């Protein structure tokens, strides 16, 4: 990956992570520290999968 493409990739990943983490926070009933850690980790994995799926569809 070239340095010119690293910033947009990071931006897309962070956008996915933010959206998925906020969705998780809306759906969870109580917020505990352990639940925050699990939710952040799950959102990170889901953001990675969403980015990979978009790349598979668009070919970029």
Protein backbone atom coordinates (compact mmCIF):
# COMPACT_ATOMS: atom_id res chain seq x y z
CA UNK A 1 0.00 0.00 0.00
CA UNK A 2 1.37 3.38 -0.98
CA UNK A 3 1.43 6.26 1.51
CA UNK A 4 -1.03 8.19 -0.67
CA UNK A 5 -3.66 5.48 -0.29
CA UNK A 6 -3.10 4.77 3.40
CA UNK A 7 -4.99 7.85 4.62
CA UNK A 8 -8.23 7.18 2.68
CA UNK A 9 -8.13 3.53 3.75
CA UNK A 10 -7.71 4.54 7.39
CA UNK A 11 -10.49 7.09 7.03
CA UNK A 12 -12.87 4.53 5.59
CA UNK A 13 -12.00 2.02 8.30
CA UNK A 14 -12.56 4.62 11.04
CA UNK A 15 -15.87 5.68 9.50
CA UNK A 16 -17.07 2.06 9.48
CA UNK A 17 -15.83 1.51 13.02
CA UNK A 18 -17.54 4.66 14.30
CA UNK A 19 -20.85 3.81 12.66
CA UNK A 20 -20.83 0.22 13.90
CA UNK A 21 -19.73 1.16 17.42
CA UNK A 22 -22.48 3.78 17.66
CA UNK A 23 -25.04 1.27 16.41
CA UNK A 24 -23.89 -1.18 19.06
CA UNK A 25 -24.17 1.50 21.76
CA UNK A 26 -27.72 2.28 20.67
CA UNK A 27 -28.72 -1.38 20.83
CA UNK A 28 -27.11 -2.33 24.15
CA UNK A 29 -29.17 -1.79 27.27
CA UNK A 30 -26.45 -1.22 29.89
CA UNK A 31 -22.94 0.07 29.32
CA UNK A 32 -20.23 -1.62 31.36
CA UNK A 33 -16.46 -1.36 30.83
CA UNK A 34 -16.23 -4.97 29.66
CA UNK A 35 -19.14 -4.44 27.27
CA UNK A 36 -17.42 -1.36 25.86
CA UNK A 37 -14.25 -3.37 25.19
CA UNK A 38 -16.18 -6.21 23.56
CA UNK A 39 -18.26 -3.77 21.50
CA UNK A 40 -15.17 -1.87 20.31
CA UNK A 41 -13.43 -5.10 19.34
CA UNK A 42 -16.48 -6.44 17.54
CA UNK A 43 -16.94 -3.15 15.71
CA UNK A 44 -13.28 -3.28 14.65
CA UNK A 45 -13.68 -6.77 13.19
CA UNK A 46 -16.94 -5.84 11.48
CA UNK A 47 -15.35 -2.67 10.03
CA UNK A 48 -12.53 -4.78 8.63
CA UNK A 49 -15.05 -7.16 7.08
CA UNK A 50 -17.09 -4.28 5.63
CA UNK A 51 -13.99 -2.76 4.04
CA UNK A 52 -12.96 -6.13 2.60
CA UNK A 53 -16.46 -6.71 1.22
CA UNK A 54 -16.53 -3.30 -0.44
CA UNK A 55 -13.11 -3.91 -2.00
CA UNK A 56 -14.30 -7.30 -3.28
CA UNK A 57 -17.31 -5.72 -4.95
CA UNK A 58 -15.64 -2.62 -6.43
CA UNK A 59 -12.22 -4.16 -7.14
CA UNK A 60 -10.33 -1.20 -5.63
